[in-house]
Amino acid sequence: MVYYFTSNTVSPAAFIYVGKDKVENEELIAHGFDEDIWFHVDNLSSAHIYVRLPENEDWENMNPDLLTDCAQLTKANSIEGNKKDNVTIVFTPWSNLKKDGSMAVGQVGFKDQRKVKRVHVPKRENPIVNRLNKTKVEKYPDLRQEKENRQKELRLRDRTSQQARQKEEARVAKERKEKAWQKDHAYDELFSEDNLAQSSNQDRGEDFLDDFF
């Protein structure tokens, strides 16, 4: 089971999601999207919270209100962290998560510590948490299938883009070739046999010079 929340602090609205337990977290870790940003309370046990950003949006410059929503929801979903003030929330792109066989269920590391950011949460903001909880929906998604569908979509988009690029390159090459041919043959008509004959004195009558007298 996955819990989904909606944040209307941005337009279009962003959806935030969290696994029900550590087993579900394993599925989320395995089948995340590149647009997903992972949140966790630093040095404390907590749920794994994800937000899916619009494609190509810079995660390091996330909308401050959306970041606050994610941080508050992460704090609220930590048994120990929810009771404390001044907790730190860590977040990083899903693609920066590292998982190997030596790690416990639900445990993750980071591929690059430089891509891990932190945000300080002084205290729980009940109006924010309550607003998000009102949007909570339980679903049973096939995360593996969703990931496969996403990958197919991206492959199709890349193939379509490549074909369009190749078509444009062929058009430009043809246009350049035609311009080069026109440049090379610009005087062909001027020096055609008919034009040369008209400008030649060889085939003119004996009295052609009369016009000059």
N, C-alpha and C. Protein backbone atom coordinates (compact mmCIF):
# COMPACT_ATOMS: atom_id res chain seq x y z
N MET A 1 0.84 -1.20 0.00
CA MET A 1 0.00 0.00 0.00
C MET A 1 0.87 1.25 0.00
N VAL A 2 0.44 2.24 -0.75
CA VAL A 2 1.14 3.52 -0.80
C VAL A 2 0.14 4.62 -0.44
N TYR A 3 0.58 5.54 0.40
CA TYR A 3 -0.25 6.69 0.77
C TYR A 3 0.15 7.88 -0.11
N TYR A 4 -0.83 8.51 -0.71
CA TYR A 4 -0.59 9.66 -1.58
C TYR A 4 -1.19 10.91 -0.95
N PHE A 5 -0.44 12.00 -1.01
CA PHE A 5 -0.89 13.29 -0.51
C PHE A 5 -0.76 14.31 -1.65
N THR A 6 -1.58 15.34 -1.58
CA THR A 6 -1.55 16.37 -2.61
C THR A 6 -1.17 17.71 -1.98
N SER A 7 -0.16 18.35 -2.59
CA SER A 7 0.24 19.69 -2.15
C SER A 7 -0.20 20.70 -3.19
N ASN A 8 -1.08 21.58 -2.78
CA ASN A 8 -1.57 22.63 -3.68
C ASN A 8 -0.78 23.92 -3.55
N THR A 9 0.41 23.83 -2.99
CA THR A 9 1.25 25.02 -2.85
C THR A 9 1.88 25.41 -4.19
N VAL A 10 1.81 24.50 -5.16
CA VAL A 10 2.34 24.77 -6.49
C VAL A 10 1.26 24.47 -7.51
N SER A 11 1.44 24.98 -8.71
CA SER A 11 0.49 24.72 -9.80
C SER A 11 1.26 24.26 -11.05
N PRO A 12 0.92 23.08 -11.59
CA PRO A 12 -0.09 22.15 -11.09
C PRO A 12 0.32 21.55 -9.74
N ALA A 13 -0.67 21.01 -9.03
CA ALA A 13 -0.43 20.46 -7.70
C ALA A 13 0.58 19.33 -7.77
N ALA A 14 1.37 19.19 -6.72
CA ALA A 14 2.36 18.11 -6.64
C ALA A 14 1.80 16.99 -5.78
N PHE A 15 2.19 15.76 -6.11
CA PHE A 15 1.76 14.68 -5.23
C PHE A 15 2.96 14.12 -4.49
N ILE A 16 2.74 13.87 -3.21
CA ILE A 16 3.74 13.35 -2.29
C ILE A 16 3.29 11.95 -1.90
N TYR A 17 4.20 11.02 -1.83
CA TYR A 17 3.78 9.66 -1.49
C TYR A 17 4.75 8.99 -0.53
N VAL A 18 4.25 8.00 0.18
CA VAL A 18 5.02 7.31 1.20
C VAL A 18 4.56 5.86 1.28
N GLY A 19 5.49 4.95 1.47
CA GLY A 19 5.15 3.54 1.65
C GLY A 19 4.57 3.29 3.03
N LYS A 20 3.71 2.28 3.12
CA LYS A 20 3.06 1.97 4.40
C LYS A 20 4.08 1.48 5.43
N ASP A 21 5.05 0.69 4.97
CA ASP A 21 6.03 0.12 5.89
C ASP A 21 7.37 -0.05 5.18
N LYS A 22 8.35 -0.64 5.86
CA LYS A 22 9.69 -0.75 5.29
C LYS A 22 9.73 -1.70 4.09
N VAL A 23 8.82 -2.66 4.06
CA VAL A 23 8.77 -3.56 2.90
C VAL A 23 8.30 -2.79 1.67
N GLU A 24 7.29 -1.95 1.87
CA GLU A 24 6.80 -1.11 0.77
C GLU A 24 7.88 -0.11 0.35
N ASN A 25 8.67 0.34 1.30
CA ASN A 25 9.75 1.26 0.98
C ASN A 25 10.75 0.64 0.00
N GLU A 26 10.95 -0.66 0.14
CA GLU A 26 11.86 -1.35 -0.79
C GLU A 26 11.36 -1.24 -2.22
N GLU A 27 10.06 -1.35 -2.40
CA GLU A 27 9.47 -1.22 -3.73
C GLU A 27 9.64 0.21 -4.27
N LEU A 28 9.45 1.18 -3.38
CA LEU A 28 9.59 2.57 -3.80
C LEU A 28 11.04 2.87 -4.18
N ILE A 29 11.97 2.32 -3.43
CA ILE A 29 13.39 2.52 -3.74
C ILE A 29 13.73 1.91 -5.10
N ALA A 30 13.18 0.74 -5.37
CA ALA A 30 13.51 0.02 -6.59
C ALA A 30 12.87 0.61 -7.83
N HIS A 31 11.70 1.23 -7.69
CA HIS A 31 10.93 1.62 -8.87
C HIS A 31 10.60 3.10 -8.92
N GLY A 32 11.47 3.92 -8.37
CA GLY A 32 11.25 5.36 -8.42
C GLY A 32 11.49 5.94 -9.80
N PHE A 33 11.07 7.18 -9.99
CA PHE A 33 11.28 7.93 -11.23
C PHE A 33 12.43 8.91 -11.01
N ASP A 34 13.04 9.34 -12.11
CA ASP A 34 14.12 10.31 -12.01
C ASP A 34 13.63 11.65 -11.46
N GLU A 35 12.33 11.92 -11.56
CA GLU A 35 11.77 13.17 -11.07
C GLU A 35 11.45 13.13 -9.58
N ASP A 36 11.65 11.97 -8.95
CA ASP A 36 11.30 11.81 -7.54
C ASP A 36 12.41 12.32 -6.63
N ILE A 37 12.00 13.02 -5.57
CA ILE A 37 12.93 13.50 -4.54
C ILE A 37 12.57 12.81 -3.23
N TRP A 38 13.58 12.24 -2.60
CA TRP A 38 13.42 11.41 -1.39
C TRP A 38 13.70 12.26 -0.14
N PHE A 39 12.85 12.08 0.88
CA PHE A 39 13.01 12.81 2.15
C PHE A 39 13.05 11.83 3.32
N HIS A 40 13.83 12.18 4.35
CA HIS A 40 13.94 11.35 5.54
C HIS A 40 14.43 12.22 6.69
N VAL A 41 14.02 11.90 7.91
CA VAL A 41 14.55 12.61 9.07
C VAL A 41 15.99 12.17 9.28
N ASP A 42 16.87 13.13 9.45
CA ASP A 42 18.29 12.83 9.61
C ASP A 42 18.57 12.17 10.96
N ASN A 43 19.24 11.03 10.90
CA ASN A 43 19.69 10.30 12.10
C ASN A 43 18.57 9.78 12.99
N LEU A 44 17.36 9.72 12.45
CA LEU A 44 16.24 9.15 13.20
C LEU A 44 15.44 8.24 12.27
N SER A 45 14.73 7.32 12.87
CA SER A 45 13.85 6.46 12.08
C SER A 45 12.66 7.28 11.58
N SER A 46 12.33 7.11 10.31
CA SER A 46 11.16 7.82 9.77
C SER A 46 10.71 7.14 8.49
N ALA A 47 9.53 7.52 8.04
CA ALA A 47 9.04 7.02 6.76
C ALA A 47 9.89 7.63 5.64
N HIS A 48 9.89 6.95 4.51
CA HIS A 48 10.53 7.49 3.31
C HIS A 48 9.47 8.28 2.55
N ILE A 49 9.66 9.57 2.44
CA ILE A 49 8.71 10.44 1.77
C ILE A 49 9.27 10.83 0.41
N TYR A 50 8.43 10.80 -0.60
CA TYR A 50 8.85 11.19 -1.94
C TYR A 50 7.91 12.27 -2.49
N VAL A 51 8.46 13.17 -3.28
CA VAL A 51 7.65 14.10 -4.05
C VAL A 51 8.09 13.98 -5.49
N ARG A 52 7.14 13.98 -6.39
CA ARG A 52 7.45 13.88 -7.83
C ARG A 52 7.38 15.27 -8.45
N LEU A 53 8.52 15.78 -8.86
CA LEU A 53 8.60 17.11 -9.45
C LEU A 53 8.29 17.06 -10.94
N PRO A 54 7.91 18.19 -11.51
CA PRO A 54 7.76 18.25 -12.97
C PRO A 54 9.09 17.91 -13.63
N GLU A 55 9.00 17.31 -14.80
CA GLU A 55 10.20 16.90 -15.51
C GLU A 55 11.12 18.10 -15.75
N ASN A 56 12.41 17.88 -15.54
CA ASN A 56 13.47 18.88 -15.77
C ASN A 56 13.46 20.03 -14.77
N GLU A 57 12.65 19.95 -13.72
CA GLU A 57 12.69 21.00 -12.70
C GLU A 57 13.90 20.80 -11.80
N ASP A 58 14.55 21.89 -11.45
CA ASP A 58 15.76 21.83 -10.63
C ASP A 58 15.38 21.53 -9.18
N TRP A 59 15.74 20.35 -8.70
CA TRP A 59 15.35 19.94 -7.35
C TRP A 59 16.03 20.80 -6.29
N GLU A 60 17.19 21.36 -6.60
CA GLU A 60 17.91 22.16 -5.62
C GLU A 60 17.25 23.53 -5.43
N ASN A 61 16.39 23.91 -6.35
CA ASN A 61 15.65 25.17 -6.24
C ASN A 61 14.15 24.91 -6.17
N MET A 62 13.80 23.89 -5.41
CA MET A 62 12.40 23.53 -5.24
C MET A 62 11.61 24.68 -4.64
N ASN A 63 10.36 24.79 -5.04
CA ASN A 63 9.47 25.79 -4.47
C ASN A 63 9.53 25.71 -2.93
N PRO A 64 9.82 26.82 -2.24
CA PRO A 64 9.97 26.78 -0.77
C PRO A 64 8.74 26.24 -0.03
N ASP A 65 7.55 26.57 -0.53
CA ASP A 65 6.34 26.09 0.14
C ASP A 65 6.17 24.59 -0.03
N LEU A 66 6.51 24.09 -1.21
CA LEU A 66 6.44 22.64 -1.42
C LEU A 66 7.49 21.94 -0.56
N LEU A 67 8.67 22.51 -0.47
CA LEU A 67 9.72 21.94 0.37
C LEU A 67 9.27 21.88 1.82
N THR A 68 8.60 22.92 2.28
CA THR A 68 8.09 22.94 3.66
C THR A 68 7.05 21.85 3.86
N ASP A 69 6.16 21.67 2.88
CA ASP A 69 5.16 20.59 2.97
C ASP A 69 5.83 19.24 3.13
N CYS A 70 6.83 18.99 2.29
CA CYS A 70 7.52 17.70 2.32
C CYS A 70 8.26 17.50 3.65
N ALA A 71 8.90 18.54 4.12
CA ALA A 71 9.65 18.44 5.37
C ALA A 71 8.72 18.21 6.56
N GLN A 72 7.60 18.93 6.59
CA GLN A 72 6.64 18.77 7.68
C GLN A 72 6.02 17.37 7.67
N LEU A 73 5.72 16.87 6.48
CA LEU A 73 5.12 15.54 6.39
C LEU A 73 6.13 14.47 6.79
N THR A 74 7.38 14.69 6.47
CA THR A 74 8.43 13.74 6.86
C THR A 74 8.58 13.72 8.38
N LYS A 75 8.64 14.89 8.97
CA LYS A 75 8.74 14.96 10.44
C LYS A 75 7.54 14.29 11.09
N ALA A 76 6.34 14.53 10.56
CA ALA A 76 5.11 13.98 11.14
C ALA A 76 5.07 12.46 11.03
N ASN A 77 5.81 11.90 10.07
CA ASN A 77 5.81 10.45 9.88
C ASN A 77 7.05 9.79 10.47
N SER A 78 7.57 10.40 11.50
CA SER A 78 8.66 9.83 12.30
C SER A 78 8.19 9.79 13.75
N ILE A 79 8.15 8.61 14.34
CA ILE A 79 7.64 8.48 15.71
C ILE A 79 8.44 9.36 16.67
N GLU A 80 9.75 9.28 16.57
CA GLU A 80 10.60 10.07 17.47
C GLU A 80 10.71 11.51 16.99
N GLY A 81 10.88 11.68 15.67
CA GLY A 81 11.05 13.01 15.13
C GLY A 81 9.83 13.88 15.29
N ASN A 82 8.65 13.28 15.30
CA ASN A 82 7.40 14.05 15.43
C ASN A 82 7.29 14.69 16.81
N LYS A 83 7.95 14.08 17.80
CA LYS A 83 7.85 14.59 19.16
C LYS A 83 8.90 15.66 19.47
N LYS A 84 9.90 15.77 18.59
CA LYS A 84 11.01 16.68 18.86
C LYS A 84 10.89 17.97 18.08
N ASP A 85 11.46 19.01 18.65
CA ASP A 85 11.65 20.26 17.91
C ASP A 85 13.05 20.27 17.33
N ASN A 86 13.25 21.14 16.36
CA ASN A 86 14.57 21.32 15.76
C ASN A 86 15.15 20.02 15.20
N VAL A 87 14.42 19.43 14.29
CA VAL A 87 14.94 18.25 13.61
C VAL A 87 15.44 18.66 12.23
N THR A 88 16.29 17.82 11.67
CA THR A 88 16.85 18.07 10.34
C THR A 88 16.31 17.03 9.37
N ILE A 89 15.85 17.50 8.23
CA ILE A 89 15.35 16.62 7.18
C ILE A 89 16.38 16.59 6.06
N VAL A 90 16.74 15.40 5.61
CA VAL A 90 17.65 15.26 4.48
C VAL A 90 16.82 14.93 3.24
N PHE A 91 17.26 15.43 2.10
CA PHE A 91 16.57 15.08 0.86
C PHE A 91 17.56 15.03 -0.29
N THR A 92 17.22 14.19 -1.27
CA THR A 92 18.11 13.96 -2.41
C THR A 92 17.30 13.35 -3.54
N PRO A 93 17.75 13.47 -4.78
CA PRO A 93 17.03 12.80 -5.87
C PRO A 93 17.00 11.29 -5.69
N TRP A 94 15.91 10.68 -6.12
CA TRP A 94 15.80 9.22 -6.05
C TRP A 94 17.00 8.55 -6.72
N SER A 95 17.47 9.12 -7.82
CA SER A 95 18.58 8.52 -8.57
C SER A 95 19.87 8.50 -7.77
N ASN A 96 19.94 9.26 -6.67
CA ASN A 96 21.15 9.28 -5.85
C ASN A 96 21.11 8.26 -4.72
N LEU A 97 19.99 7.55 -4.58
CA LEU A 97 19.89 6.53 -3.55
C LEU A 97 20.72 5.31 -3.93
N LYS A 98 21.35 4.71 -2.93
CA LYS A 98 22.18 3.52 -3.16
C LYS A 98 21.67 2.39 -2.28
N LYS A 99 21.51 1.23 -2.89
CA LYS A 99 21.02 0.06 -2.15
C LYS A 99 21.87 -1.14 -2.52
N ASP A 100 22.39 -1.85 -1.51
CA ASP A 100 23.13 -3.08 -1.79
C ASP A 100 22.69 -4.18 -0.84
N GLY A 101 23.17 -5.37 -1.08
CA GLY A 101 22.72 -6.53 -0.33
C GLY A 101 23.06 -6.52 1.14
N SER A 102 24.01 -5.69 1.55
CA SER A 102 24.40 -5.66 2.95
C SER A 102 23.47 -4.80 3.81
N MET A 103 22.56 -4.07 3.16
CA MET A 103 21.69 -3.15 3.89
C MET A 103 20.41 -3.84 4.34
N ALA A 104 19.91 -3.41 5.48
CA ALA A 104 18.66 -3.95 6.00
C ALA A 104 17.49 -3.50 5.14
N VAL A 105 16.35 -4.16 5.31
CA VAL A 105 15.15 -3.81 4.56
C VAL A 105 14.78 -2.35 4.86
N GLY A 106 14.59 -1.59 3.80
CA GLY A 106 14.22 -0.19 3.96
C GLY A 106 15.38 0.75 4.16
N GLN A 107 16.58 0.22 4.31
CA GLN A 107 17.76 1.06 4.52
C GLN A 107 18.38 1.45 3.19
N VAL A 108 18.87 2.68 3.09
CA VAL A 108 19.51 3.15 1.87
C VAL A 108 20.74 3.98 2.21
N GLY A 109 21.60 4.14 1.21
CA GLY A 109 22.74 5.04 1.32
C GLY A 109 22.67 6.02 0.16
N PHE A 110 23.75 6.75 -0.03
CA PHE A 110 23.81 7.74 -1.09
C PHE A 110 25.01 7.49 -1.99
N LYS A 111 24.81 7.66 -3.27
CA LYS A 111 25.90 7.52 -4.23
C LYS A 111 26.85 8.70 -4.14
N ASP A 112 26.31 9.88 -3.93
CA ASP A 112 27.10 11.10 -3.91
C ASP A 112 26.60 12.01 -2.79
N GLN A 113 27.41 12.16 -1.75
CA GLN A 113 27.00 12.97 -0.61
C GLN A 113 26.80 14.43 -0.99
N ARG A 114 27.44 14.87 -2.07
CA ARG A 114 27.31 16.26 -2.49
C ARG A 114 25.90 16.57 -3.00
N LYS A 115 25.14 15.52 -3.33
CA LYS A 115 23.79 15.72 -3.82
C LYS A 115 22.74 15.57 -2.72
N VAL A 116 23.19 15.56 -1.48
CA VAL A 116 22.28 15.46 -0.34
C VAL A 116 22.16 16.84 0.29
N LYS A 117 20.92 17.32 0.42
CA LYS A 117 20.69 18.63 1.04
C LYS A 117 19.90 18.43 2.34
N ARG A 118 19.93 19.46 3.15
CA ARG A 118 19.28 19.41 4.46
C ARG A 118 18.43 20.64 4.68
N VAL A 119 17.33 20.45 5.40
CA VAL A 119 16.48 21.58 5.76
C VAL A 119 16.11 21.43 7.24
N HIS A 120 16.19 22.54 7.95
CA HIS A 120 15.90 22.55 9.39
C HIS A 120 14.41 22.77 9.62
N VAL A 121 13.83 21.96 10.50
CA VAL A 121 12.41 22.10 10.85
C VAL A 121 12.34 22.41 12.35
N PRO A 122 12.04 23.65 12.71
CA PRO A 122 12.02 24.03 14.14
C PRO A 122 10.96 23.28 14.95
N LYS A 123 9.76 23.14 14.37
CA LYS A 123 8.68 22.47 15.10
C LYS A 123 7.62 21.99 14.12
N ARG A 124 6.74 21.16 14.60
CA ARG A 124 5.63 20.68 13.78
C ARG A 124 4.63 21.81 13.55
N GLU A 125 4.23 21.96 12.29
CA GLU A 125 3.23 22.97 11.93
C GLU A 125 1.92 22.24 11.65
N ASN A 126 1.05 22.20 12.66
CA ASN A 126 -0.19 21.42 12.54
C ASN A 126 -1.07 21.84 11.37
N PRO A 127 -1.22 23.13 11.07
CA PRO A 127 -2.06 23.51 9.92
C PRO A 127 -1.57 22.88 8.60
N ILE A 128 -0.24 22.78 8.44
CA ILE A 128 0.31 22.18 7.22
C ILE A 128 0.06 20.68 7.20
N VAL A 129 0.37 20.02 8.31
CA VAL A 129 0.20 18.56 8.38
C VAL A 129 -1.27 18.18 8.24
N ASN A 130 -2.15 18.93 8.89
CA ASN A 130 -3.58 18.63 8.81
C ASN A 130 -4.11 18.84 7.39
N ARG A 131 -3.64 19.90 6.73
CA ARG A 131 -4.06 20.16 5.35
C ARG A 131 -3.65 19.01 4.44
N LEU A 132 -2.43 18.53 4.60
CA LEU A 132 -1.96 17.42 3.77
C LEU A 132 -2.69 16.12 4.10
N ASN A 133 -2.94 15.87 5.38
CA ASN A 133 -3.62 14.64 5.77
C ASN A 133 -5.04 14.57 5.21
N LYS A 134 -5.66 15.71 4.99
CA LYS A 134 -7.01 15.73 4.41
C LYS A 134 -7.01 15.25 2.96
N THR A 135 -5.85 15.27 2.33
CA THR A 135 -5.76 14.83 0.92
C THR A 135 -5.28 13.38 0.81
N LYS A 136 -5.06 12.75 1.92
CA LYS A 136 -4.46 11.40 1.95
C LYS A 136 -5.36 10.37 1.26
N VAL A 137 -4.74 9.59 0.36
CA VAL A 137 -5.46 8.54 -0.36
C VAL A 137 -4.61 7.26 -0.32
N GLU A 138 -5.25 6.13 -0.06
CA GLU A 138 -4.54 4.84 -0.06
C GLU A 138 -4.72 4.16 -1.41
N LYS A 139 -3.62 3.69 -1.97
CA LYS A 139 -3.67 2.99 -3.25
C LYS A 139 -2.78 1.76 -3.20
N TYR A 140 -3.03 0.85 -4.14
CA TYR A 140 -2.22 -0.36 -4.27
C TYR A 140 -1.64 -0.42 -5.69
N PRO A 141 -0.71 0.46 -5.98
CA PRO A 141 -0.20 0.54 -7.35
C PRO A 141 0.75 -0.60 -7.68
N ASP A 142 0.82 -0.93 -8.96
CA ASP A 142 1.84 -1.86 -9.44
C ASP A 142 3.06 -1.00 -9.80
N LEU A 143 3.94 -0.81 -8.84
CA LEU A 143 5.06 0.11 -9.02
C LEU A 143 6.00 -0.34 -10.13
N ARG A 144 6.18 -1.64 -10.24
CA ARG A 144 7.04 -2.16 -11.30
C ARG A 144 6.47 -1.83 -12.68
N GLN A 145 5.16 -2.03 -12.84
CA GLN A 145 4.52 -1.76 -14.12
C GLN A 145 4.54 -0.27 -14.43
N GLU A 146 4.31 0.55 -13.41
CA GLU A 146 4.36 1.99 -13.61
C GLU A 146 5.75 2.42 -14.11
N LYS A 147 6.78 1.81 -13.53
CA LYS A 147 8.14 2.15 -13.95
C LYS A 147 8.40 1.69 -15.39
N GLU A 148 7.94 0.49 -15.72
CA GLU A 148 8.12 -0.01 -17.08
C GLU A 148 7.38 0.87 -18.09
N ASN A 149 6.17 1.29 -17.75
CA ASN A 149 5.41 2.18 -18.64
C ASN A 149 6.13 3.50 -18.83
N ARG A 150 6.70 4.01 -17.76
CA ARG A 150 7.44 5.27 -17.83
C ARG A 150 8.67 5.13 -18.74
N GLN A 151 9.37 4.02 -18.60
CA GLN A 151 10.56 3.80 -19.42
C GLN A 151 10.20 3.66 -20.89
N LYS A 152 9.08 2.98 -21.17
CA LYS A 152 8.61 2.87 -22.55
C LYS A 152 8.27 4.24 -23.12
N GLU A 153 7.61 5.05 -22.31
CA GLU A 153 7.25 6.40 -22.74
C GLU A 153 8.49 7.22 -23.08
N LEU A 154 9.52 7.12 -22.24
CA LEU A 154 10.75 7.87 -22.47
C LEU A 154 11.48 7.36 -23.71
N ARG A 155 11.49 6.04 -23.91
CA ARG A 155 12.14 5.48 -25.11
C ARG A 155 11.43 5.93 -26.37
N LEU A 156 10.10 5.92 -26.34
CA LEU A 156 9.32 6.37 -27.50
C LEU A 156 9.58 7.84 -27.77
N ARG A 157 9.62 8.65 -26.72
CA ARG A 157 9.89 10.08 -26.88
C ARG A 157 11.28 10.32 -27.48
N ASP A 158 12.26 9.56 -26.98
CA ASP A 158 13.62 9.71 -27.50
C ASP A 158 13.69 9.30 -28.97
N ARG A 159 12.99 8.21 -29.31
CA ARG A 159 13.00 7.72 -30.69
C ARG A 159 12.33 8.74 -31.61
N THR A 160 11.21 9.28 -31.16
CA THR A 160 10.50 10.28 -31.96
C THR A 160 11.35 11.53 -32.15
N SER A 161 12.01 11.95 -31.08
CA SER A 161 12.87 13.12 -31.14
C SER A 161 14.05 12.88 -32.07
N GLN A 162 14.62 11.68 -32.02
CA GLN A 162 15.75 11.35 -32.88
C GLN A 162 15.34 11.34 -34.35
N GLN A 163 14.16 10.77 -34.62
CA GLN A 163 13.67 10.73 -36.00
C GLN A 163 13.42 12.14 -36.53
N ALA A 164 12.84 13.00 -35.68
CA ALA A 164 12.60 14.38 -36.10
C ALA A 164 13.92 15.10 -36.35
N ARG A 165 14.90 14.83 -35.50
CA ARG A 165 16.21 15.46 -35.67
C ARG A 165 16.88 14.99 -36.96
N GLN A 166 16.79 13.69 -37.25
CA GLN A 166 17.38 13.15 -38.47
C GLN A 166 16.68 13.71 -39.71
N LYS A 167 15.36 13.86 -39.63
CA LYS A 167 14.60 14.42 -40.75
C LYS A 167 15.01 15.86 -41.02
N GLU A 168 15.19 16.63 -39.95
CA GLU A 168 15.59 18.02 -40.10
C GLU A 168 17.02 18.12 -40.65
N GLU A 169 17.90 17.23 -40.17
CA GLU A 169 19.27 17.23 -40.68
C GLU A 169 19.30 16.89 -42.16
N ALA A 170 18.46 15.95 -42.60
CA ALA A 170 18.39 15.58 -44.01
C ALA A 170 17.86 16.74 -44.85
N ARG A 171 16.87 17.45 -44.30
CA ARG A 171 16.32 18.61 -45.02
C ARG A 171 17.38 19.70 -45.20
N VAL A 172 18.10 19.98 -44.14
CA VAL A 172 19.15 21.01 -44.20
C VAL A 172 20.25 20.59 -45.17
N ALA A 173 20.63 19.30 -45.15
CA ALA A 173 21.68 18.82 -46.05
C ALA A 173 21.24 18.94 -47.51
N LYS A 174 19.96 18.60 -47.76
CA LYS A 174 19.43 18.70 -49.13
C LYS A 174 19.41 20.15 -49.59
N GLU A 175 19.01 21.04 -48.69
CA GLU A 175 18.94 22.47 -49.02
C GLU A 175 20.34 23.01 -49.32
N ARG A 176 21.32 22.60 -48.54
CA ARG A 176 22.69 23.05 -48.78
C ARG A 176 23.22 22.51 -50.11
N LYS A 177 22.88 21.26 -50.41
CA LYS A 177 23.32 20.66 -51.66
C LYS A 177 22.72 21.39 -52.86
N GLU A 178 21.45 21.72 -52.76
CA GLU A 178 20.78 22.44 -53.85
C GLU A 178 21.39 23.83 -54.04
N LYS A 179 21.67 24.51 -52.94
CA LYS A 179 22.29 25.83 -53.04
C LYS A 179 23.68 25.75 -53.64
N ALA A 180 24.42 24.70 -53.28
CA ALA A 180 25.76 24.53 -53.84
C ALA A 180 25.69 24.26 -55.34
N TRP A 181 24.71 23.44 -55.77
CA TRP A 181 24.54 23.13 -57.20
C TRP A 181 24.19 24.41 -57.96
N GLN A 182 23.28 25.19 -57.40
CA GLN A 182 22.89 26.44 -58.06
C GLN A 182 24.07 27.40 -58.20
N LYS A 183 24.91 27.42 -57.17
CA LYS A 183 26.09 28.29 -57.22
C LYS A 183 27.07 27.82 -58.29
N ASP A 184 27.27 26.50 -58.37
CA ASP A 184 28.21 25.94 -59.34
C ASP A 184 27.72 26.07 -60.78
N HIS A 185 26.39 26.15 -60.97
CA HIS A 185 25.83 26.19 -62.32
C HIS A 185 25.14 27.52 -62.61
N ALA A 186 25.55 28.56 -61.91
CA ALA A 186 24.91 29.86 -62.07
C ALA A 186 25.04 30.42 -63.48
N TYR A 187 26.13 30.10 -64.21
CA TYR A 187 26.37 30.66 -65.54
C TYR A 187 26.08 29.67 -66.67
N ASP A 188 25.49 28.53 -66.32
CA ASP A 188 25.21 27.52 -67.34
C ASP A 188 24.31 28.07 -68.43
N GLU A 189 23.24 28.79 -68.05
CA GLU A 189 22.29 29.30 -69.04
C GLU A 189 22.93 30.39 -69.89
N LEU A 190 23.78 31.18 -69.27
CA LEU A 190 24.42 32.28 -69.99
C LEU A 190 25.31 31.77 -71.12
N PHE A 191 25.94 30.62 -70.86
CA PHE A 191 26.87 30.07 -71.85
C PHE A 191 26.30 28.86 -72.59
N SER A 192 24.98 28.77 -72.64
CA SER A 192 24.37 27.69 -73.40
C SER A 192 24.64 27.89 -74.89
N GLU A 193 24.49 26.84 -75.72
CA GLU A 193 24.78 26.90 -77.17
C GLU A 193 23.93 27.97 -77.85
N ASP A 194 22.66 28.07 -77.52
CA ASP A 194 21.78 29.05 -78.17
C ASP A 194 22.25 30.48 -77.87
N ASN A 195 22.59 30.73 -76.57
CA ASN A 195 23.03 32.07 -76.22
C ASN A 195 24.38 32.41 -76.85
N LEU A 196 25.24 31.42 -76.95
CA LEU A 196 26.54 31.66 -77.59
C LEU A 196 26.35 31.94 -79.07
N ALA A 197 25.42 31.22 -79.70
CA ALA A 197 25.17 31.42 -81.13
C ALA A 197 24.62 32.82 -81.38
N GLN A 198 23.74 33.29 -80.49
CA GLN A 198 23.16 34.61 -80.67
C GLN A 198 24.20 35.71 -80.52
N SER A 199 25.21 35.46 -79.72
CA SER A 199 26.22 36.49 -79.51
C SER A 199 27.42 36.35 -80.43
N SER A 200 27.40 35.30 -81.30
CA SER A 200 28.54 35.06 -82.19
C SER A 200 28.33 35.76 -83.53
N ASN A 201 29.42 36.25 -84.19
CA ASN A 201 29.36 36.87 -85.51
C ASN A 201 29.42 35.84 -86.63
N GLN A 202 29.72 34.62 -86.33
CA GLN A 202 30.00 33.60 -87.34
C GLN A 202 28.79 33.32 -88.22
N ASP A 203 27.61 33.26 -87.66
CA ASP A 203 26.43 32.88 -88.42
C ASP A 203 25.59 34.08 -88.85
N ARG A 204 26.11 35.31 -88.78
CA ARG A 204 25.34 36.48 -89.17
C ARG A 204 25.50 36.76 -90.67
N GLY A 205 24.50 37.42 -91.24
CA GLY A 205 24.52 37.75 -92.67
C GLY A 205 25.60 38.77 -92.99
N GLU A 206 25.83 38.91 -94.29
CA GLU A 206 26.90 39.82 -94.71
C GLU A 206 26.59 41.27 -94.38
N ASP A 207 25.28 41.61 -94.31
CA ASP A 207 24.94 43.01 -94.10
C ASP A 207 24.65 43.33 -92.64
N PHE A 208 25.11 42.48 -91.72
CA PHE A 208 24.76 42.73 -90.30
C PHE A 208 25.40 44.01 -89.79
N LEU A 209 26.44 44.49 -90.46
CA LEU A 209 27.09 45.72 -90.01
C LEU A 209 26.34 46.97 -90.49
N ASP A 210 25.34 46.78 -91.42
CA ASP A 210 24.60 47.93 -91.93
C ASP A 210 23.93 48.71 -90.81
N ASP A 211 23.58 47.96 -89.75
CA ASP A 211 22.86 48.62 -88.66
C ASP A 211 23.71 49.66 -87.95
N PHE A 212 25.04 49.55 -88.16
CA PHE A 212 25.92 50.50 -87.46
C PHE A 212 26.21 51.74 -88.30
N PHE A 213 25.67 51.81 -89.55
CA PHE A 213 25.99 52.95 -90.43
C PHE A 213 24.70 53.70 -90.78
